[in-house]
Amino acid sequence: MDCFTFVNIKKIELPLAHRILVSPLDWGLGHTSRCIPIIKTLQNNSFSVLVACNATQQAYLSKEITQVEYIRLAGYDVQYAASSAGLIWKMILQIPKIIYRIYAEHKALQNIITNYKIDAVISDNRFGLYSSKIPCVFITHQLFIKTPFLSTLVFSMNHFFIKKYNTCWVPDCNNTESISGELSSTKWQIKTPIQRIGFLSRFKQPIAFDGVKRKSILCILSGPEPQRSMLMKMIIQQVSNANYTCTIIGAKSGSLLHHTENIQCMPVADAIQMERLLATHQYIITRSGYSSLMDFAVIKRTAILIPTPGQSEQEYLGKLMQEKQMHYSCQQQLFNLEVAIKAIDEGNWKTINVTKNNNLQNAILELGNGIISK
């Protein structure tokens, strides 16, 4: 299967005075993670980068990139529930807050453009960061948002805001091997020009298991509470009853109490640490978030996926990856460690041949040209 990832090629000859605002959504760190290759490519093309985010996002990015300015910009601060049914009602109740935050960030952007002399905006799924004054890019792999409730309203709202941007970047392939499936299907027609820019990953090459530390599990926790802690508790319980070692990434500081001879917990890991952990662990357990799937495509590893309960996008992606025979996926309430590992060992899993291309580079070149034309 053929696909691609980003690559830095010839630089755009623009002075550092051209400043790009990059702002990722604050729902987990997936949106933040996939902005890393974008920021690095901007820097390699002589742009100055200003990142608008919260403290958690800044701490994460600071481990991966340098020479970046940061400003605080409040996120949507969406709260989740412990059950799928509870999540539906909780999300419905938060719609007014989300709309207000979109309005507030749109107002804030006008001041940011003036005060920080911004020349263009790259917004990863933040609806309100558009302006008629400068070129604005919206990043999403969801031209169609899967939701079990108010689907028509959500669809209309999604397209209403995307159409306010000059361009929409879709981080995915432009062929039948797309890993976002119908989420980014072109059948969801939209007036804004769409550019597929390839996979966005902080990793650049395959990372094979070194074969030394067998029966080892790397569990990468992500997403909202309380589901993150519920999954962690489940993994610890099942690993404790089995003959495996396990490293858990994304555990909160209080989780350090779970350190045992065969279970180790870490709150976060940068790219270098993660590369080492991926190479030294035989099995990977994680959520089926889209950014994680892009990472696995680049490093050519098969994972055990456990979608966040009630999160329709992850449930769809988990099912899609299972159908494509790329990853094993299981509902959280049905998860059994031994069954999942047996499935990985016995399955005929496929990987994508990720080839380098200049799609992201070309998109940034076009953005630069848009700045000049303004």
Protein backbone atom coordinates (compact mmCIF):
# COMPACT_ATOMS: atom_id res chain seq x y z
CA MET A 1 0.00 0.00 0.00
CA ASP A 2 1.36 3.41 -0.96
CA CYS A 3 1.06 6.62 1.01
CA PHE A 4 3.30 9.47 2.08
CA THR A 5 4.61 11.71 4.86
CA PHE A 6 6.14 15.19 5.03
CA VAL A 7 9.62 16.06 3.82
CA ASN A 8 11.52 19.34 3.91
CA ILE A 9 12.87 20.41 0.51
CA LYS A 10 13.94 23.76 -0.98
CA LYS A 11 13.24 26.65 1.36
CA ILE A 12 10.89 29.49 0.52
CA GLU A 13 12.89 32.71 0.32
CA LEU A 14 10.94 34.80 2.82
CA PRO A 15 12.32 36.94 5.65
CA LEU A 16 11.77 35.95 9.27
CA ALA A 17 9.43 38.94 9.54
CA HIS A 18 6.71 36.71 8.11
CA ARG A 19 5.07 35.27 11.21
CA ILE A 20 2.63 32.38 11.20
CA LEU A 21 0.21 31.71 14.03
CA VAL A 22 -0.28 27.98 14.64
CA SER A 23 -3.00 26.92 17.05
CA PRO A 24 -4.04 23.29 17.75
CA LEU A 25 -7.30 22.20 19.34
CA ASP A 26 -7.02 21.31 23.02
CA TRP A 27 -8.97 18.01 22.95
CA GLY A 28 -6.12 15.71 23.99
CA LEU A 29 -2.61 16.09 22.57
CA GLY A 30 -3.20 14.51 19.16
CA HIS A 31 -3.85 17.83 17.43
CA THR A 32 -0.81 19.31 19.18
CA SER A 33 1.43 16.39 18.18
CA ARG A 34 0.56 16.57 14.50
CA CYS A 35 1.38 20.29 14.42
CA ILE A 36 5.05 19.50 15.19
CA PRO A 37 6.03 18.60 11.57
CA ILE A 38 4.10 21.65 10.35
CA ILE A 39 5.97 23.97 12.72
CA LYS A 40 9.34 22.43 11.82
CA THR A 41 8.63 22.76 8.11
CA LEU A 42 7.60 26.39 8.56
CA GLN A 43 10.82 27.09 10.44
CA ASN A 44 12.89 25.35 7.77
CA ASN A 45 11.30 27.69 5.26
CA SER A 46 12.29 30.89 7.10
CA PHE A 47 8.98 31.57 8.82
CA SER A 48 8.74 32.76 12.40
CA VAL A 49 6.17 30.74 14.37
CA LEU A 50 3.86 31.89 17.14
CA VAL A 51 1.85 29.14 18.86
CA ALA A 52 -1.44 29.91 20.60
CA CYS A 53 -2.26 27.16 23.10
CA ASN A 54 -2.70 26.26 26.76
CA ALA A 55 0.02 25.42 29.32
CA THR A 56 -0.21 21.65 28.80
CA GLN A 57 0.20 22.00 25.05
CA GLN A 58 3.15 24.36 25.48
CA ALA A 59 4.91 21.95 27.84
CA TYR A 60 4.48 19.17 25.28
CA LEU A 61 5.66 21.23 22.30
CA SER A 62 8.64 22.63 24.21
CA LYS A 63 10.12 19.13 24.39
CA GLU A 64 10.03 18.80 20.60
CA ILE A 65 10.66 22.23 19.08
CA THR A 66 12.67 25.38 19.83
CA GLN A 67 12.70 29.02 18.70
CA VAL A 68 8.94 29.30 19.00
CA GLU A 69 6.96 32.05 20.71
CA TYR A 70 3.90 31.12 22.77
CA ILE A 71 0.78 32.96 23.79
CA ARG A 72 -2.10 31.68 25.86
CA LEU A 73 -5.39 31.09 24.10
CA ALA A 74 -8.24 29.42 25.96
CA GLY A 75 -9.41 26.15 24.46
CA TYR A 76 -12.88 24.65 24.31
CA ASP A 77 -12.32 22.74 27.56
CA VAL A 78 -14.78 19.98 26.67
CA GLN A 79 -15.72 17.65 29.53
CA TYR A 80 -16.40 13.96 29.05
CA ALA A 81 -18.45 11.37 30.93
CA ALA A 82 -17.79 7.88 32.27
CA SER A 83 -20.35 6.23 29.99
CA SER A 84 -21.34 6.48 26.33
CA ALA A 85 -24.89 7.51 27.18
CA GLY A 86 -23.65 10.10 29.65
CA LEU A 87 -21.24 11.48 27.06
CA ILE A 88 -24.05 12.22 24.60
CA TRP A 89 -25.96 14.36 27.06
CA LYS A 90 -22.84 16.02 28.40
CA MET A 91 -21.78 17.04 24.88
CA ILE A 92 -25.23 18.41 24.08
CA LEU A 93 -25.17 20.52 27.23
CA GLN A 94 -21.77 21.92 26.30
CA ILE A 95 -22.76 23.12 22.81
CA PRO A 96 -23.49 26.70 24.02
CA LYS A 97 -20.08 26.84 25.73
CA ILE A 98 -18.31 25.60 22.59
CA ILE A 99 -20.08 28.19 20.41
CA TYR A 100 -19.13 30.93 22.88
CA ARG A 101 -15.47 29.82 22.87
CA ILE A 102 -15.44 29.88 19.05
CA TYR A 103 -16.81 33.42 19.11
CA ALA A 104 -14.29 34.45 21.80
CA GLU A 105 -11.27 33.06 19.95
CA HIS A 106 -12.40 34.75 16.74
CA LYS A 107 -12.53 38.08 18.57
CA ALA A 108 -9.16 37.41 20.22
CA LEU A 109 -7.56 36.62 16.86
CA GLN A 110 -8.22 40.10 15.54
CA ASN A 111 -6.16 41.57 18.40
CA ILE A 112 -3.46 38.90 18.02
CA ILE A 113 -3.06 39.73 14.33
CA THR A 114 -2.52 43.40 15.16
CA ASN A 115 -0.42 43.06 18.32
CA TYR A 116 1.86 40.27 17.08
CA LYS A 117 1.92 41.26 13.39
CA ILE A 118 0.64 37.88 12.19
CA ASP A 119 0.88 37.23 8.44
CA ALA A 120 -1.11 33.96 8.27
CA VAL A 121 -2.96 31.49 10.50
CA ILE A 122 -2.88 27.69 10.62
CA SER A 123 -5.69 26.40 12.80
CA ASP A 124 -5.88 22.72 13.66
CA ASN A 125 -9.60 22.19 14.18
CA ARG A 126 -10.20 25.49 16.00
CA PHE A 127 -13.24 26.94 14.24
CA GLY A 128 -12.88 30.60 15.21
CA LEU A 129 -9.36 31.39 13.95
CA TYR A 130 -10.28 32.90 10.61
CA SER A 131 -9.90 36.46 9.35
CA SER A 132 -10.46 38.40 6.13
CA LYS A 133 -7.22 40.31 6.78
CA ILE A 134 -4.74 37.47 6.19
CA PRO A 135 -4.61 33.93 4.69
CA CYS A 136 -6.08 31.36 7.09
CA VAL A 137 -5.74 27.57 6.89
CA PHE A 138 -7.98 25.02 8.61
CA ILE A 139 -6.59 21.53 9.31
CA THR A 140 -8.93 18.59 9.70
CA HIS A 141 -9.27 14.95 8.72
CA GLN A 142 -13.01 15.20 9.36
CA LEU A 143 -14.93 16.83 6.55
CA PHE A 144 -17.70 14.69 7.98
CA ILE A 145 -17.90 14.41 11.78
CA LYS A 146 -19.43 11.16 12.98
CA THR A 147 -21.77 11.72 15.87
CA PRO A 148 -24.68 9.74 17.35
CA PHE A 149 -26.63 12.92 18.05
CA LEU A 150 -27.58 16.13 16.21
CA SER A 151 -25.69 14.91 13.13
CA THR A 152 -27.29 17.46 10.76
CA LEU A 153 -26.47 20.36 13.09
CA VAL A 154 -22.87 19.18 13.61
CA PHE A 155 -22.37 18.64 9.87
CA SER A 156 -23.73 22.09 9.03
CA MET A 157 -21.70 23.78 11.77
CA ASN A 158 -18.51 22.04 10.64
CA HIS A 159 -18.90 23.16 7.03
CA PHE A 160 -20.13 26.63 8.01
CA PHE A 161 -16.82 27.37 9.72
CA ILE A 162 -14.51 25.54 7.29
CA LYS A 163 -15.92 27.70 4.48
CA LYS A 164 -14.65 30.79 6.30
CA TYR A 165 -11.04 29.69 5.75
CA ASN A 166 -9.00 30.20 2.59
CA THR A 167 -7.80 26.59 2.48
CA CYS A 168 -8.48 23.27 4.22
CA TRP A 169 -5.50 20.94 4.74
CA VAL A 170 -6.38 17.25 5.14
CA PRO A 171 -3.60 15.14 6.71
CA ASP A 172 -4.15 11.95 4.74
CA CYS A 173 -3.47 10.13 1.47
CA ASN A 174 -5.06 11.01 -1.80
CA ASN A 175 -5.82 7.42 -2.82
CA THR A 176 -7.81 4.36 -1.82
CA GLU A 177 -5.45 3.67 1.10
CA SER A 178 -6.70 6.66 3.07
CA ILE A 179 -6.76 5.88 6.79
CA SER A 180 -9.47 8.44 7.53
CA GLY A 181 -11.97 6.64 5.28
CA GLU A 182 -15.25 8.42 4.75
CA LEU A 183 -14.38 11.06 7.35
CA SER A 184 -12.45 12.95 4.66
CA SER A 185 -14.29 11.66 1.61
CA THR A 186 -14.60 14.19 -1.22
CA LYS A 187 -18.30 13.37 -1.44
CA TRP A 188 -18.69 15.87 1.42
CA GLN A 189 -18.49 18.81 -0.96
CA ILE A 190 -17.25 22.09 0.42
CA LYS A 191 -16.45 25.37 -1.33
CA THR A 192 -13.11 25.88 0.45
CA PRO A 193 -10.15 24.46 -1.57
CA ILE A 194 -8.97 21.16 -0.09
CA GLN A 195 -5.33 20.03 -0.10
CA ARG A 196 -4.22 16.59 1.10
CA ILE A 197 -0.84 17.09 2.73
CA GLY A 198 0.07 13.52 3.70
CA PHE A 199 0.55 12.01 7.14
CA LEU A 200 1.67 14.37 9.91
CA SER A 201 3.88 12.54 12.39
CA ARG A 202 6.76 13.47 14.67
CA PHE A 203 8.39 10.19 13.55
CA LYS A 204 10.21 9.97 10.23
CA GLN A 205 10.98 6.28 9.71
CA PRO A 206 9.97 2.71 10.66
CA ILE A 207 10.68 1.61 14.24
CA ALA A 208 10.85 -2.17 14.50
CA PHE A 209 10.75 -4.14 17.74
CA ASP A 210 14.35 -5.07 18.56
CA GLY A 211 13.31 -8.54 19.77
CA VAL A 212 15.16 -8.34 23.08
CA LYS A 213 12.44 -7.57 25.63
CA ARG A 214 9.74 -10.07 24.70
CA LYS A 215 6.32 -10.19 26.40
CA SER A 216 6.57 -6.42 26.92
CA ILE A 217 3.71 -3.96 26.47
CA LEU A 218 3.80 -0.22 25.77
CA CYS A 219 0.50 1.38 26.76
CA ILE A 220 0.02 4.92 25.43
CA LEU A 221 -2.78 6.66 27.29
CA SER A 222 -4.48 9.64 25.70
CA GLY A 223 -7.78 11.43 25.58
CA PRO A 224 -10.08 12.79 28.27
CA GLU A 225 -10.83 11.82 31.82
CA PRO A 226 -12.40 9.81 33.31
CA GLN A 227 -11.90 7.32 30.47
CA ARG A 228 -8.11 7.67 30.54
CA SER A 229 -7.89 6.56 34.18
CA MET A 230 -10.49 3.84 33.64
CA LEU A 231 -8.41 2.34 30.83
CA MET A 232 -5.23 2.60 32.88
CA LYS A 233 -6.84 0.77 35.79
CA MET A 234 -8.00 -1.98 33.43
CA ILE A 235 -4.55 -2.38 31.87
CA ILE A 236 -2.78 -2.49 35.25
CA GLN A 237 -5.22 -5.11 36.55
CA GLN A 238 -4.87 -7.37 33.51
CA VAL A 239 -1.08 -6.98 33.24
CA SER A 240 -0.70 -7.72 36.95
CA ASN A 241 -2.47 -11.04 36.41
CA ALA A 242 -0.33 -11.98 33.41
CA ASN A 243 3.31 -12.68 32.74
CA TYR A 244 4.11 -9.41 30.97
CA THR A 245 6.07 -6.23 31.65
CA CYS A 246 4.36 -2.94 30.86
CA THR A 247 5.33 0.71 30.45
CA ILE A 248 2.44 3.18 30.65
CA ILE A 249 2.88 6.57 28.98
CA GLY A 250 0.46 9.37 29.81
CA ALA A 251 -0.09 8.39 33.43
CA LYS A 252 -0.74 11.22 35.85
CA SER A 253 1.78 11.95 38.60
CA GLY A 254 -0.28 10.13 41.22
CA SER A 255 -0.08 7.01 39.09
CA LEU A 256 3.58 6.62 40.04
CA LEU A 257 2.26 4.65 42.99
CA HIS A 258 1.55 1.87 40.50
CA HIS A 259 5.28 1.32 39.89
CA THR A 260 5.97 -2.36 40.41
CA GLU A 261 8.56 -4.80 39.19
CA ASN A 262 6.68 -5.36 35.93
CA ILE A 263 4.74 -2.06 35.56
CA GLN A 264 6.39 1.34 35.04
CA CYS A 265 4.53 4.65 34.63
CA MET A 266 5.63 7.82 32.86
CA PRO A 267 3.58 11.05 32.54
CA VAL A 268 4.98 11.95 29.11
CA ALA A 269 7.66 10.93 26.59
CA ASP A 270 9.32 13.08 23.95
CA ALA A 271 10.05 11.79 20.43
CA ILE A 272 13.48 10.37 21.32
CA GLN A 273 12.17 8.57 24.40
CA MET A 274 9.17 7.29 22.48
CA GLU A 275 11.35 5.92 19.69
CA ARG A 276 13.34 3.96 22.26
CA LEU A 277 10.20 2.67 23.97
CA LEU A 278 8.63 1.63 20.67
CA ALA A 279 11.78 -0.26 19.73
CA THR A 280 12.02 -2.09 23.05
CA HIS A 281 8.39 -3.13 23.52
CA GLN A 282 6.79 -5.99 21.65
CA TYR A 283 3.13 -4.93 21.89
CA ILE A 284 1.44 -1.52 21.76
CA ILE A 285 -1.91 -0.64 23.34
CA THR A 286 -3.46 2.75 22.62
CA ARG A 287 -6.58 4.66 21.66
CA SER A 288 -7.63 4.80 18.01
CA GLY A 289 -7.04 8.54 17.74
CA TYR A 290 -6.23 9.72 14.23
CA SER A 291 -2.84 11.21 15.13
CA SER A 292 -1.79 7.89 16.66
CA LEU A 293 -2.83 6.06 13.49
CA MET A 294 -0.68 8.41 11.40
CA ASP A 295 2.27 7.68 13.70
CA PHE A 296 1.78 3.91 13.37
CA ALA A 297 1.58 4.20 9.59
CA VAL A 298 4.95 5.98 9.53
CA ILE A 299 6.74 3.66 11.99
CA LYS A 300 5.12 0.56 10.44
CA ARG A 301 3.83 -0.98 13.67
CA THR A 302 0.57 -2.78 14.40
CA ALA A 303 -1.21 -1.81 17.60
CA ILE A 304 -4.03 -2.98 19.85
CA LEU A 305 -6.63 -0.22 19.59
CA ILE A 306 -9.18 0.55 22.29
CA PRO A 307 -11.49 3.37 21.13
CA THR A 308 -12.67 5.82 23.78
CA PRO A 309 -16.23 4.72 24.65
CA GLY A 310 -18.83 7.02 23.13
CA GLN A 311 -16.32 8.80 20.87
CA SER A 312 -17.82 7.98 17.47
CA GLU A 313 -14.76 9.01 15.45
CA GLN A 314 -12.46 6.63 17.34
CA GLU A 315 -15.00 3.83 17.19
CA TYR A 316 -15.26 4.27 13.42
CA LEU A 317 -11.48 4.44 12.95
CA GLY A 318 -10.94 1.37 15.11
CA LYS A 319 -13.43 -0.60 13.03
CA LEU A 320 -11.89 0.72 9.80
CA MET A 321 -8.36 -0.29 10.85
CA GLN A 322 -9.62 -3.76 11.78
CA GLU A 323 -11.32 -4.12 8.38
CA LYS A 324 -8.15 -2.99 6.59
CA GLN A 325 -6.19 -5.56 8.67
CA MET A 326 -3.84 -2.84 9.89
CA HIS A 327 -4.62 -2.98 13.62
CA TYR A 328 -6.58 -5.06 16.12
CA SER A 329 -9.47 -3.13 17.66
CA CYS A 330 -11.69 -3.97 20.62
CA GLN A 331 -14.32 -2.16 22.68
CA GLN A 332 -13.07 -1.13 26.10
CA GLN A 333 -15.72 -3.04 28.04
CA LEU A 334 -14.85 -6.24 26.14
CA PHE A 335 -11.07 -5.90 26.25
CA ASN A 336 -9.10 -9.01 27.17
CA LEU A 337 -5.31 -8.72 27.13
CA GLU A 338 -4.56 -12.35 26.29
CA VAL A 339 -7.14 -12.43 23.48
CA ALA A 340 -5.77 -9.20 21.99
CA ILE A 341 -2.14 -10.38 22.08
CA LYS A 342 -3.09 -13.70 20.54
CA ALA A 343 -4.86 -11.83 17.73
CA ILE A 344 -1.74 -9.72 17.10
CA ASP A 345 0.52 -12.80 17.09
CA GLU A 346 -1.68 -14.80 14.73
CA GLY A 347 -2.97 -12.02 12.46
CA ASN A 348 -1.78 -11.25 8.95
CA TRP A 349 -1.41 -7.51 9.51
CA LYS A 350 -0.69 -4.99 6.77
CA THR A 351 1.37 -1.80 6.78
CA ILE A 352 1.39 1.22 4.51
CA ASN A 353 4.42 1.98 2.37
CA VAL A 354 4.91 5.59 3.42
CA THR A 355 6.93 7.37 0.73
CA LYS A 356 8.34 10.86 1.05
CA ASN A 357 6.75 13.65 -0.94
CA ASN A 358 6.51 17.41 -0.97
CA ASN A 359 2.76 17.88 -0.39
CA LEU A 360 3.20 19.74 2.90
CA GLN A 361 6.05 21.74 1.43
CA ASN A 362 3.92 22.74 -1.55
CA ALA A 363 1.03 23.71 0.73
CA ILE A 364 3.34 25.96 2.74
CA LEU A 365 4.75 27.41 -0.48
CA GLU A 366 1.21 28.33 -1.55
CA LEU A 367 0.59 29.85 1.87
CA GLY A 368 3.74 31.94 1.46
CA ASN A 369 2.60 33.10 -1.96
CA GLY A 370 -0.75 34.06 -0.41
CA ILE A 371 1.06 36.23 2.13
CA ILE A 372 2.99 38.01 -0.60
CA SER A 373 -0.14 38.60 -2.69
CA LYS A 374 -1.87 40.18 0.30
